[in-house]
């Protein structure tokens, strides 16, 4: 996992912990939304890293064939 995705996952976990400890409904909802957003950003970062890796492998294979 890349460091960006790890950072996003850490922030999502922290936001979830903050949501769990919140006493006000609106604060809990805000932290829950933040956790979901951080999690979605982590997923996108992971997919981007995977696509980049596949593209680099494909370019390397094309370069070897020449």
C-alpha atoms as a PDB file:
ATOM      1  CA  UNK A   1       0.000   0.000   0.000  1.00  0.00           C
ATOM      2  CA  UNK A   2       1.355   3.416  -0.839  1.00  0.00           C
ATOM      3  CA  UNK A   3       2.022   6.007   1.830  1.00  0.00           C
ATOM      4  CA  UNK A   4      -0.760   8.302   0.652  1.00  0.00           C
ATOM      5  CA  UNK A   5      -3.368   5.567   0.993  1.00  0.00           C
ATOM      6  CA  UNK A   6      -1.945   4.633   4.392  1.00  0.00           C
ATOM      7  CA  UNK A   7      -2.259   8.254   5.513  1.00  0.00           C
ATOM      8  CA  UNK A   8      -5.870   8.377   4.316  1.00  0.00           C
ATOM      9  CA  UNK A   9      -6.691   5.100   6.105  1.00  0.00           C
ATOM     10  CA  UNK A  10      -5.140   6.443   9.312  1.00  0.00           C
ATOM     11  CA  UNK A  11      -7.222   9.608   9.047  1.00  0.00           C
ATOM     12  CA  UNK A  12     -10.367   7.526   8.424  1.00  0.00           C
ATOM     13  CA  UNK A  13      -9.682   5.461  11.560  1.00  0.00           C
ATOM     14  CA  UNK A  14      -9.114   8.619  13.600  1.00  0.00           C
ATOM     15  CA  UNK A  15     -12.318  10.185  12.285  1.00  0.00           C
ATOM     16  CA  UNK A  16     -14.233   7.009  13.188  1.00  0.00           C
ATOM     17  CA  UNK A  17     -12.773   7.119  16.698  1.00  0.00           C
ATOM     18  CA  UNK A  18     -13.774  10.761  16.990  1.00  0.00           C
ATOM     19  CA  UNK A  19     -17.279   9.914  15.779  1.00  0.00           C
ATOM     20  CA  UNK A  20     -17.551   7.147  18.355  1.00  0.00           C
ATOM     21  CA  UNK A  21     -16.539   9.486  21.159  1.00  0.00           C
ATOM     22  CA  UNK A  22     -18.729  12.423  20.076  1.00  0.00           C
ATOM     23  CA  UNK A  23     -21.673  13.217  22.304  1.00  0.00           C
ATOM     24  CA  UNK A  24     -23.551  15.506  19.938  1.00  0.00           C
ATOM     25  CA  UNK A  25     -25.412  13.968  16.998  1.00  0.00           C
ATOM     26  CA  UNK A  26     -24.317  16.597  14.493  1.00  0.00           C
ATOM     27  CA  UNK A  27     -20.669  16.231  15.513  1.00  0.00           C
ATOM     28  CA  UNK A  28     -20.900  12.444  15.289  1.00  0.00           C
ATOM     29  CA  UNK A  29     -22.458  12.741  11.828  1.00  0.00           C
ATOM     30  CA  UNK A  30     -19.756  15.147  10.683  1.00  0.00           C
ATOM     31  CA  UNK A  31     -16.978  12.804  11.844  1.00  0.00           C
ATOM     32  CA  UNK A  32     -18.707   9.840  10.215  1.00  0.00           C
ATOM     33  CA  UNK A  33     -18.928  11.711   6.915  1.00  0.00           C
ATOM     34  CA  UNK A  34     -15.261  12.646   7.240  1.00  0.00           C
ATOM     35  CA  UNK A  35     -14.320   9.009   7.884  1.00  0.00           C
ATOM     36  CA  UNK A  36     -16.226   7.924   4.794  1.00  0.00           C
ATOM     37  CA  UNK A  37     -14.540  10.615   2.692  1.00  0.00           C
ATOM     38  CA  UNK A  38     -11.059   9.624   3.923  1.00  0.00           C
ATOM     39  CA  UNK A  39     -11.834   5.984   3.192  1.00  0.00           C
ATOM     40  CA  UNK A  40     -12.985   6.824  -0.341  1.00  0.00           C
ATOM     41  CA  UNK A  41      -9.816   8.848  -0.943  1.00  0.00           C
ATOM     42  CA  UNK A  42      -7.722   5.887   0.238  1.00  0.00           C
ATOM     43  CA  UNK A  43      -9.552   3.565  -2.132  1.00  0.00           C
ATOM     44  CA  UNK A  44      -8.986   5.949  -5.045  1.00  0.00           C
ATOM     45  CA  UNK A  45      -5.293   6.291  -4.155  1.00  0.00           C
ATOM     46  CA  UNK A  46      -4.922   2.512  -4.075  1.00  0.00           C
ATOM     47  CA  UNK A  47      -6.648   2.114  -7.438  1.00  0.00           C
ATOM     48  CA  UNK A  48      -4.491   4.856  -8.940  1.00  0.00           C
ATOM     49  CA  UNK A  49      -1.316   3.205  -7.651  1.00  0.00           C
ATOM     50  CA  UNK A  50      -2.451  -0.138  -9.048  1.00  0.00           C
ATOM     51  CA  UNK A  51      -3.229   1.367 -12.461  1.00  0.00           C
ATOM     52  CA  UNK A  52       0.118   3.165 -12.476  1.00  0.00           C
ATOM     53  CA  UNK A  53       1.902  -0.090 -11.696  1.00  0.00           C
ATOM     54  CA  UNK A  54       0.080  -1.943 -14.473  1.00  0.00           C
ATOM     55  CA  UNK A  55       0.853   0.847 -16.951  1.00  0.00           C
ATOM     56  CA  UNK A  56       4.529   0.880 -16.002  1.00  0.00           C
ATOM     57  CA  UNK A  57       4.723  -2.901 -16.407  1.00  0.00           C
ATOM     58  CA  UNK A  58       3.079  -2.668 -19.822  1.00  0.00           C
ATOM     59  CA  UNK A  59       5.512   0.053 -20.910  1.00  0.00           C
ATOM     60  CA  UNK A  60       8.424  -2.042 -19.667  1.00  0.00           C
ATOM     61  CA  UNK A  61       7.171  -5.047 -21.635  1.00  0.00           C
ATOM     62  CA  UNK A  62       6.847  -2.938 -24.788  1.00  0.00           C
ATOM     63  CA  UNK A  63      10.343  -1.624 -24.281  1.00  0.00           C
ATOM     64  CA  UNK A  64      11.738  -5.148 -23.984  1.00  0.00           C
ATOM     65  CA  UNK A  65      10.122  -6.238 -27.246  1.00  0.00           C
ATOM     66  CA  UNK A  66      11.866  -3.556 -29.324  1.00  0.00           C
END
